[in-house]
Structure formats: structure tokens, C-alpha cells
Amino acid sequence: MADLSKLREQIDQADQDLVKALVKRYDLVMEVGRVKRASGQAVFDPKREEQVLDKVTNLAQRPEYEVALRAVYQEIMDQAKRLEEDF
């Protein structure tokens, strides 16, 4: 049986990595928002969102996590749209 405290340390590290990745993603989203505004494009692109959802579920290569990953990424993208619209 795995040591609970060691598993929690690994989760804490994964959380740190995830937050860093999300901050980087949102920084890029803000830049995309500036480019879209400058060119008069809409923030929401449903085709692009579906491509991203398909990509992340395929990257995981874990079908048992597909529903959870799609839900999490949908929320990530919803928050990204709010950031793009607000700035």
C-alpha cells in the first residue's frame, strides 16, 4: 500500500505544476484576446473549443478520465473567454 503522505506530496507537486501551466495558458489567452480584438474577431469559436476538447482527451490516453477532462477543460475555456472579454 502506498504511503498516504507521499501520495499527498505528489498531489501537491502536481497542483503546483498545474497552476503554473494554467497561468501560462491564461497569459496566452490574454494575448489571443488582444489579437482577436485588433482584428475584430469574436472571442467565442465553437469549432476551436471542440478541437481543444478532443485534443486534451486524446492526449490523456485514458478513456476512463474523458468525461472529467472534458468538464475541467470546458471550465478552463469558459474562464478564458471571460478573461478575453474583460480585457
PDB file of N, CA and C in Angstrom:
ATOM      1  N   MET A   1       0.845  -1.180   0.000  1.00  0.00           N
ATOM      2  CA  MET A   1       0.000   0.000   0.000  1.00  0.00           C
ATOM      3  C   MET A   1       0.893   1.245   0.000  1.00  0.00           C
ATOM      4  N   ALA A   2       0.520   2.218  -0.790  1.00  0.00           N
ATOM      5  CA  ALA A   2       1.278   3.454  -0.885  1.00  0.00           C
ATOM      6  C   ALA A   2       1.098   4.289   0.379  1.00  0.00           C
ATOM      7  N   ASP A   3       2.131   5.031   0.698  1.00  0.00           N
ATOM      8  CA  ASP A   3       2.110   5.927   1.855  1.00  0.00           C
ATOM      9  C   ASP A   3       1.266   7.148   1.523  1.00  0.00           C
ATOM     10  N   LEU A   4       0.237   7.408   2.329  1.00  0.00           N
ATOM     11  CA  LEU A   4      -0.700   8.495   2.074  1.00  0.00           C
ATOM     12  C   LEU A   4       0.004   9.848   2.019  1.00  0.00           C
ATOM     13  N   SER A   5       0.922  10.102   2.926  1.00  0.00           N
ATOM     14  CA  SER A   5       1.595  11.403   2.939  1.00  0.00           C
ATOM     15  C   SER A   5       2.444  11.593   1.680  1.00  0.00           C
ATOM     16  N   LYS A   6       3.060  10.537   1.188  1.00  0.00           N
ATOM     17  CA  LYS A   6       3.851  10.648  -0.047  1.00  0.00           C
ATOM     18  C   LYS A   6       2.939  10.895  -1.245  1.00  0.00           C
ATOM     19  N   LEU A   7       1.812  10.250  -1.262  1.00  0.00           N
ATOM     20  CA  LEU A   7       0.857  10.482  -2.340  1.00  0.00           C
ATOM     21  C   LEU A   7       0.359  11.932  -2.312  1.00  0.00           C
ATOM     22  N   ARG A   8       0.100  12.439  -1.118  1.00  0.00           N
ATOM     23  CA  ARG A   8      -0.362  13.825  -0.993  1.00  0.00           C
ATOM     24  C   ARG A   8       0.730  14.809  -1.417  1.00  0.00           C
ATOM     25  N   GLU A   9       1.980  14.508  -1.125  1.00  0.00           N
ATOM     26  CA  GLU A   9       3.083  15.350  -1.583  1.00  0.00           C
ATOM     27  C   GLU A   9       3.124  15.378  -3.110  1.00  0.00           C
ATOM     28  N   GLN A  10       2.891  14.231  -3.725  1.00  0.00           N
ATOM     29  CA  GLN A  10       2.868  14.161  -5.184  1.00  0.00           C
ATOM     30  C   GLN A  10       1.696  14.955  -5.752  1.00  0.00           C
ATOM     31  N   ILE A  11       0.559  14.894  -5.079  1.00  0.00           N
ATOM     32  CA  ILE A  11      -0.597  15.686  -5.500  1.00  0.00           C
ATOM     33  C   ILE A  11      -0.282  17.174  -5.363  1.00  0.00           C
ATOM     34  N   ASP A  12       0.351  17.565  -4.265  1.00  0.00           N
ATOM     35  CA  ASP A  12       0.734  18.969  -4.074  1.00  0.00           C
ATOM     36  C   ASP A  12       1.658  19.441  -5.200  1.00  0.00           C
ATOM     37  N   GLN A  13       2.599  18.603  -5.590  1.00  0.00           N
ATOM     38  CA  GLN A  13       3.503  18.960  -6.688  1.00  0.00           C
ATOM     39  C   GLN A  13       2.738  19.057  -8.000  1.00  0.00           C
ATOM     40  N   ALA A  14       1.823  18.131  -8.219  1.00  0.00           N
ATOM     41  CA  ALA A  14       1.007  18.182  -9.434  1.00  0.00           C
ATOM     42  C   ALA A  14       0.166  19.454  -9.454  1.00  0.00           C
ATOM     43  N   ASP A  15      -0.355  19.859  -8.296  1.00  0.00           N
ATOM     44  CA  ASP A  15      -1.116  21.109  -8.213  1.00  0.00           C
ATOM     45  C   ASP A  15      -0.242  22.307  -8.569  1.00  0.00           C
ATOM     46  N   GLN A  16       0.982  22.329  -8.063  1.00  0.00           N
ATOM     47  CA  GLN A  16       1.901  23.421  -8.403  1.00  0.00           C
ATOM     48  C   GLN A  16       2.156  23.474  -9.907  1.00  0.00           C
ATOM     49  N   ASP A  17       2.401  22.318 -10.491  1.00  0.00           N
ATOM     50  CA  ASP A  17       2.648  22.240 -11.931  1.00  0.00           C
ATOM     51  C   ASP A  17       1.421  22.694 -12.716  1.00  0.00           C
ATOM     52  N   LEU A  18       0.253  22.273 -12.249  1.00  0.00           N
ATOM     53  CA  LEU A  18      -0.994  22.626 -12.923  1.00  0.00           C
ATOM     54  C   LEU A  18      -1.251  24.126 -12.868  1.00  0.00           C
ATOM     55  N   VAL A  19      -1.042  24.733 -11.722  1.00  0.00           N
ATOM     56  CA  VAL A  19      -1.256  26.174 -11.596  1.00  0.00           C
ATOM     57  C   VAL A  19      -0.299  26.931 -12.506  1.00  0.00           C
ATOM     58  N   LYS A  20       0.959  26.529 -12.547  1.00  0.00           N
ATOM     59  CA  LYS A  20       1.923  27.177 -13.441  1.00  0.00           C
ATOM     60  C   LYS A  20       1.467  27.059 -14.894  1.00  0.00           C
ATOM     61  N   ALA A  21       1.003  25.879 -15.272  1.00  0.00           N
ATOM     62  CA  ALA A  21       0.532  25.665 -16.641  1.00  0.00           C
ATOM     63  C   ALA A  21      -0.703  26.495 -16.939  1.00  0.00           C
ATOM     64  N   LEU A  22      -1.614  26.596 -15.976  1.00  0.00           N
ATOM     65  CA  LEU A  22      -2.821  27.399 -16.183  1.00  0.00           C
ATOM     66  C   LEU A  22      -2.496  28.882 -16.300  1.00  0.00           C
ATOM     67  N   VAL A  23      -1.571  29.363 -15.475  1.00  0.00           N
ATOM     68  CA  VAL A  23      -1.174  30.767 -15.569  1.00  0.00           C
ATOM     69  C   VAL A  23      -0.569  31.037 -16.945  1.00  0.00           C
ATOM     70  N   LYS A  24       0.275  30.140 -17.415  1.00  0.00           N
ATOM     71  CA  LYS A  24       0.858  30.300 -18.751  1.00  0.00           C
ATOM     72  C   LYS A  24      -0.237  30.291 -19.816  1.00  0.00           C
ATOM     73  N   ARG A  25      -1.184  29.366 -19.679  1.00  0.00           N
ATOM     74  CA  ARG A  25      -2.276  29.279 -20.649  1.00  0.00           C
ATOM     75  C   ARG A  25      -3.102  30.561 -20.649  1.00  0.00           C
ATOM     76  N   TYR A  26      -3.429  31.069 -19.457  1.00  0.00           N
ATOM     77  CA  TYR A  26      -4.230  32.285 -19.385  1.00  0.00           C
ATOM     78  C   TYR A  26      -3.459  33.502 -19.884  1.00  0.00           C
ATOM     79  N   ASP A  27      -2.141  33.545 -19.673  1.00  0.00           N
ATOM     80  CA  ASP A  27      -1.333  34.623 -20.256  1.00  0.00           C
ATOM     81  C   ASP A  27      -1.454  34.599 -21.783  1.00  0.00           C
ATOM     82  N   LEU A  28      -1.386  33.409 -22.348  1.00  0.00           N
ATOM     83  CA  LEU A  28      -1.519  33.271 -23.806  1.00  0.00           C
ATOM     84  C   LEU A  28      -2.924  33.636 -24.265  1.00  0.00           C
ATOM     85  N   VAL A  29      -3.920  33.249 -23.480  1.00  0.00           N
ATOM     86  CA  VAL A  29      -5.308  33.591 -23.791  1.00  0.00           C
ATOM     87  C   VAL A  29      -5.486  35.103 -23.850  1.00  0.00           C
ATOM     88  N   MET A  30      -4.860  35.798 -22.924  1.00  0.00           N
ATOM     89  CA  MET A  30      -4.964  37.259 -22.927  1.00  0.00           C
ATOM     90  C   MET A  30      -4.364  37.843 -24.201  1.00  0.00           C
ATOM     91  N   GLU A  31      -3.266  37.274 -24.641  1.00  0.00           N
ATOM     92  CA  GLU A  31      -2.655  37.743 -25.891  1.00  0.00           C
ATOM     93  C   GLU A  31      -3.558  37.425 -27.088  1.00  0.00           C
ATOM     94  N   VAL A  32      -4.153  36.246 -27.093  1.00  0.00           N
ATOM     95  CA  VAL A  32      -5.107  35.889 -28.152  1.00  0.00           C
ATOM     96  C   VAL A  32      -6.261  36.880 -28.159  1.00  0.00           C
ATOM     97  N   GLY A  33      -6.742  37.245 -26.982  1.00  0.00           N
ATOM     98  CA  GLY A  33      -7.830  38.220 -26.890  1.00  0.00           C
ATOM     99  C   GLY A  33      -7.445  39.550 -27.514  1.00  0.00           C
ATOM    100  N   ARG A  34      -6.213  40.004 -27.268  1.00  0.00           N
ATOM    101  CA  ARG A  34      -5.757  41.261 -27.862  1.00  0.00           C
ATOM    102  C   ARG A  34      -5.709  41.169 -29.381  1.00  0.00           C
ATOM    103  N   VAL A  35      -5.212  40.041 -29.885  1.00  0.00           N
ATOM    104  CA  VAL A  35      -5.138  39.841 -31.335  1.00  0.00           C
ATOM    105  C   VAL A  35      -6.540  39.797 -31.933  1.00  0.00           C
ATOM    106  N   LYS A  36      -7.455  39.084 -31.283  1.00  0.00           N
ATOM    107  CA  LYS A  36      -8.831  38.996 -31.779  1.00  0.00           C
ATOM    108  C   LYS A  36      -9.496  40.367 -31.812  1.00  0.00           C
ATOM    109  N   ARG A  37      -9.338  41.129 -30.735  1.00  0.00           N
ATOM    110  CA  ARG A  37      -9.938  42.465 -30.700  1.00  0.00           C
ATOM    111  C   ARG A  37      -9.363  43.350 -31.800  1.00  0.00           C
ATOM    112  N   ALA A  38      -8.055  43.279 -31.991  1.00  0.00           N
ATOM    113  CA  ALA A  38      -7.411  44.112 -33.005  1.00  0.00           C
ATOM    114  C   ALA A  38      -7.897  43.779 -34.407  1.00  0.00           C
ATOM    115  N   SER A  39      -8.266  42.512 -34.612  1.00  0.00           N
ATOM    116  CA  SER A  39      -8.721  42.104 -35.940  1.00  0.00           C
ATOM    117  C   SER A  39     -10.239  41.998 -36.048  1.00  0.00           C
ATOM    118  N   GLY A  40     -10.951  42.349 -34.964  1.00  0.00           N
ATOM    119  CA  GLY A  40     -12.413  42.331 -34.999  1.00  0.00           C
ATOM    120  C   GLY A  40     -13.029  40.951 -34.921  1.00  0.00           C
ATOM    121  N   GLN A  41     -12.282  39.970 -34.454  1.00  0.00           N
ATOM    122  CA  GLN A  41     -12.805  38.604 -34.355  1.00  0.00           C
ATOM    123  C   GLN A  41     -13.572  38.402 -33.057  1.00  0.00           C
ATOM    124  N   ALA A  42     -14.507  37.470 -33.096  1.00  0.00           N
ATOM    125  CA  ALA A  42     -15.280  37.109 -31.904  1.00  0.00           C
ATOM    126  C   ALA A  42     -14.413  36.312 -30.936  1.00  0.00           C
ATOM    127  N   VAL A  43     -14.705  36.444 -29.651  1.00  0.00           N
ATOM    128  CA  VAL A  43     -13.975  35.696 -28.627  1.00  0.00           C
ATOM    129  C   VAL A  43     -14.310  34.211 -28.728  1.00  0.00           C
ATOM    130  N   PHE A  44     -15.576  33.901 -28.898  1.00  0.00           N
ATOM    131  CA  PHE A  44     -16.025  32.504 -28.877  1.00  0.00           C
ATOM    132  C   PHE A  44     -15.913  31.887 -30.258  1.00  0.00           C
ATOM    133  N   ASP A  45     -15.223  30.745 -30.322  1.00  0.00           N
ATOM    134  CA  ASP A  45     -15.077  29.975 -31.554  1.00  0.00           C
ATOM    135  C   ASP A  45     -15.422  28.522 -31.227  1.00  0.00           C
ATOM    136  N   PRO A  46     -16.682  28.127 -31.422  1.00  0.00           N
ATOM    137  CA  PRO A  46     -17.100  26.780 -31.017  1.00  0.00           C
ATOM    138  C   PRO A  46     -16.304  25.664 -31.687  1.00  0.00           C
ATOM    139  N   LYS A  47     -15.910  25.868 -32.927  1.00  0.00           N
ATOM    140  CA  LYS A  47     -15.124  24.842 -33.625  1.00  0.00           C
ATOM    141  C   LYS A  47     -13.774  24.651 -32.928  1.00  0.00           C
ATOM    142  N   ARG A  48     -13.128  25.746 -32.558  1.00  0.00           N
ATOM    143  CA  ARG A  48     -11.841  25.675 -31.862  1.00  0.00           C
ATOM    144  C   ARG A  48     -12.008  25.009 -30.497  1.00  0.00           C
ATOM    145  N   GLU A  49     -13.070  25.334 -29.792  1.00  0.00           N
ATOM    146  CA  GLU A  49     -13.295  24.706 -28.490  1.00  0.00           C
ATOM    147  C   GLU A  49     -13.422  23.193 -28.615  1.00  0.00           C
ATOM    148  N   GLU A  50     -14.161  22.743 -29.588  1.00  0.00           N
ATOM    149  CA  GLU A  50     -14.322  21.301 -29.773  1.00  0.00           C
ATOM    150  C   GLU A  50     -12.996  20.648 -30.128  1.00  0.00           C
ATOM    151  N   GLN A  51     -12.188  21.332 -30.938  1.00  0.00           N
ATOM    152  CA  GLN A  51     -10.856  20.806 -31.267  1.00  0.00           C
ATOM    153  C   GLN A  51     -10.000  20.654 -30.012  1.00  0.00           C
ATOM    154  N   VAL A  52     -10.047  21.655 -29.148  1.00  0.00           N
ATOM    155  CA  VAL A  52      -9.270  21.602 -27.905  1.00  0.00           C
ATOM    156  C   VAL A  52      -9.759  20.458 -27.021  1.00  0.00           C
ATOM    157  N   LEU A  53     -11.067  20.320 -26.869  1.00  0.00           N
ATOM    158  CA  LEU A  53     -11.610  19.242 -26.043  1.00  0.00           C
ATOM    159  C   LEU A  53     -11.207  17.873 -26.580  1.00  0.00           C
ATOM    160  N   ASP A  54     -11.285  17.700 -27.887  1.00  0.00           N
ATOM    161  CA  ASP A  54     -10.870  16.429 -28.487  1.00  0.00           C
ATOM    162  C   ASP A  54      -9.381  16.185 -28.269  1.00  0.00           C
ATOM    163  N   LYS A  55      -8.591  17.230 -28.444  1.00  0.00           N
ATOM    164  CA  LYS A  55      -7.140  17.102 -28.297  1.00  0.00           C
ATOM    165  C   LYS A  55      -6.755  16.680 -26.886  1.00  0.00           C
ATOM    166  N   VAL A  56      -7.315  17.352 -25.861  1.00  0.00           N
ATOM    167  CA  VAL A  56      -6.901  17.038 -24.496  1.00  0.00           C
ATOM    168  C   VAL A  56      -7.348  15.642 -24.063  1.00  0.00           C
ATOM    169  N   THR A  57      -8.501  15.220 -24.525  1.00  0.00           N
ATOM    170  CA  THR A  57      -8.924  13.868 -24.148  1.00  0.00           C
ATOM    171  C   THR A  57      -8.055  12.829 -24.855  1.00  0.00           C
ATOM    172  N   ASN A  58      -7.632  13.111 -26.066  1.00  0.00           N
ATOM    173  CA  ASN A  58      -6.736  12.187 -26.768  1.00  0.00           C
ATOM    174  C   ASN A  58      -5.345  12.183 -26.150  1.00  0.00           C
ATOM    175  N   LEU A  59      -4.876  13.348 -25.703  1.00  0.00           N
ATOM    176  CA  LEU A  59      -3.557  13.429 -25.085  1.00  0.00           C
ATOM    177  C   LEU A  59      -3.472  12.577 -23.822  1.00  0.00           C
ATOM    178  N   ALA A  60      -4.532  12.533 -23.079  1.00  0.00           N
ATOM    179  CA  ALA A  60      -4.526  11.788 -21.817  1.00  0.00           C
ATOM    180  C   ALA A  60      -4.368  10.291 -22.040  1.00  0.00           C
ATOM    181  N   GLN A  61      -4.874   9.793 -23.127  1.00  0.00           N
ATOM    182  CA  GLN A  61      -4.844   8.360 -23.428  1.00  0.00           C
ATOM    183  C   GLN A  61      -5.383   7.518 -22.268  1.00  0.00           C
ATOM    184  N   ARG A  62      -6.392   8.075 -21.616  1.00  0.00           N
ATOM    185  CA  ARG A  62      -7.042   7.387 -20.503  1.00  0.00           C
ATOM    186  C   ARG A  62      -8.546   7.572 -20.658  1.00  0.00           C
ATOM    187  N   PRO A  63      -9.201   6.681 -21.386  1.00  0.00           N
ATOM    188  CA  PRO A  63     -10.638   6.840 -21.633  1.00  0.00           C
ATOM    189  C   PRO A  63     -11.467   6.993 -20.360  1.00  0.00           C
ATOM    190  N   GLU A  64     -11.009   6.416 -19.271  1.00  0.00           N
ATOM    191  CA  GLU A  64     -11.777   6.500 -18.024  1.00  0.00           C
ATOM    192  C   GLU A  64     -11.814   7.921 -17.462  1.00  0.00           C
ATOM    193  N   TYR A  65     -10.934   8.802 -17.952  1.00  0.00           N
ATOM    194  CA  TYR A  65     -10.903  10.189 -17.490  1.00  0.00           C
ATOM    195  C   TYR A  65     -11.525  11.161 -18.484  1.00  0.00           C
ATOM    196  N   GLU A  66     -12.025  10.664 -19.605  1.00  0.00           N
ATOM    197  CA  GLU A  66     -12.505  11.541 -20.673  1.00  0.00           C
ATOM    198  C   GLU A  66     -13.594  12.511 -20.202  1.00  0.00           C
ATOM    199  N   VAL A  67     -14.588  12.028 -19.517  1.00  0.00           N
ATOM    200  CA  VAL A  67     -15.688  12.898 -19.080  1.00  0.00           C
ATOM    201  C   VAL A  67     -15.159  13.972 -18.133  1.00  0.00           C
ATOM    202  N   ALA A  68     -14.322  13.585 -17.191  1.00  0.00           N
ATOM    203  CA  ALA A  68     -13.774  14.545 -16.233  1.00  0.00           C
ATOM    204  C   ALA A  68     -12.888  15.575 -16.936  1.00  0.00           C
ATOM    205  N   LEU A  69     -12.039  15.120 -17.844  1.00  0.00           N
ATOM    206  CA  LEU A  69     -11.161  16.053 -18.558  1.00  0.00           C
ATOM    207  C   LEU A  69     -11.954  17.035 -19.406  1.00  0.00           C
ATOM    208  N   ARG A  70     -12.951  16.549 -20.090  1.00  0.00           N
ATOM    209  CA  ARG A  70     -13.774  17.450 -20.902  1.00  0.00           C
ATOM    210  C   ARG A  70     -14.460  18.503 -20.032  1.00  0.00           C
ATOM    211  N   ALA A  71     -14.956  18.088 -18.878  1.00  0.00           N
ATOM    212  CA  ALA A  71     -15.627  19.036 -17.981  1.00  0.00           C
ATOM    213  C   ALA A  71     -14.643  20.069 -17.439  1.00  0.00           C
ATOM    214  N   VAL A  72     -13.477  19.622 -17.026  1.00  0.00           N
ATOM    215  CA  VAL A  72     -12.466  20.542 -16.498  1.00  0.00           C
ATOM    216  C   VAL A  72     -12.015  21.507 -17.586  1.00  0.00           C
ATOM    217  N   TYR A  73     -11.732  20.993 -18.770  1.00  0.00           N
ATOM    218  CA  TYR A  73     -11.276  21.869 -19.846  1.00  0.00           C
ATOM    219  C   TYR A  73     -12.370  22.808 -20.327  1.00  0.00           C
ATOM    220  N   GLN A  74     -13.607  22.379 -20.276  1.00  0.00           N
ATOM    221  CA  GLN A  74     -14.687  23.291 -20.636  1.00  0.00           C
ATOM    222  C   GLN A  74     -14.703  24.474 -19.678  1.00  0.00           C
ATOM    223  N   GLU A  75     -14.518  24.188 -18.392  1.00  0.00           N
ATOM    224  CA  GLU A  75     -14.474  25.271 -17.403  1.00  0.00           C
ATOM    225  C   GLU A  75     -13.246  26.155 -17.616  1.00  0.00           C
ATOM    226  N   ILE A  76     -12.106  25.562 -17.912  1.00  0.00           N
ATOM    227  CA  ILE A  76     -10.898  26.346 -18.201  1.00  0.00           C
ATOM    228  C   ILE A  76     -11.163  27.284 -19.371  1.00  0.00           C
ATOM    229  N   MET A  77     -11.796  26.775 -20.410  1.00  0.00           N
ATOM    230  CA  MET A  77     -12.076  27.610 -21.583  1.00  0.00           C
ATOM    231  C   MET A  77     -13.149  28.655 -21.285  1.00  0.00           C
ATOM    232  N   ASP A  78     -14.139  28.313 -20.469  1.00  0.00           N
ATOM    233  CA  ASP A  78     -15.155  29.302 -20.089  1.00  0.00           C
ATOM    234  C   ASP A  78     -14.503  30.465 -19.344  1.00  0.00           C
ATOM    235  N   GLN A  79     -13.591  30.150 -18.441  1.00  0.00           N
ATOM    236  CA  GLN A  79     -12.891  31.209 -17.718  1.00  0.00           C
ATOM    237  C   GLN A  79     -11.987  32.006 -18.657  1.00  0.00           C
ATOM    238  N   ALA A  80     -11.392  31.347 -19.622  1.00  0.00           N
ATOM    239  CA  ALA A  80     -10.542  32.027 -20.598  1.00  0.00           C
ATOM    240  C   ALA A  80     -11.381  33.034 -21.411  1.00  0.00           C
ATOM    241  N   LYS A  81     -12.577  32.632 -21.795  1.00  0.00           N
ATOM    242  CA  LYS A  81     -13.446  33.550 -22.539  1.00  0.00           C
ATOM    243  C   LYS A  81     -13.770  34.772 -21.688  1.00  0.00           C
ATOM    244  N   ARG A  82     -14.024  34.567 -20.406  1.00  0.00           N
ATOM    245  CA  ARG A  82     -14.301  35.707 -19.532  1.00  0.00           C
ATOM    246  C   ARG A  82     -13.081  36.631 -19.464  1.00  0.00           C
ATOM    247  N   LEU A  83     -11.909  36.055 -19.361  1.00  0.00           N
ATOM    248  CA  LEU A  83     -10.699  36.883 -19.341  1.00  0.00           C
ATOM    249  C   LEU A  83     -10.543  37.665 -20.632  1.00  0.00           C
ATOM    250  N   GLU A  84     -10.738  36.988 -21.763  1.00  0.00           N
ATOM    251  CA  GLU A  84     -10.618  37.661 -23.074  1.00  0.00           C
ATOM    252  C   GLU A  84     -11.622  38.807 -23.197  1.00  0.00           C
ATOM    253  N   GLU A  85     -12.839  38.583 -22.731  1.00  0.00           N
ATOM    254  CA  GLU A  85     -13.885  39.604 -22.860  1.00  0.00           C
ATOM    255  C   GLU A  85     -13.657  40.783 -21.929  1.00  0.00           C
ATOM    256  N   ASP A  86     -13.066  40.513 -20.759  1.00  0.00           N
ATOM    257  CA  ASP A  86     -12.896  41.556 -19.747  1.00  0.00           C
ATOM    258  C   ASP A  86     -11.686  42.466 -19.994  1.00  0.00           C
ATOM    259  N   PHE A  87     -10.767  42.022 -20.841  1.00  0.00           N
ATOM    260  CA  PHE A  87      -9.547  42.822 -21.023  1.00  0.00           C
ATOM    261  C   PHE A  87      -9.321  43.217 -22.444  1.00  0.00           C
TER     262      PHE A  87
END
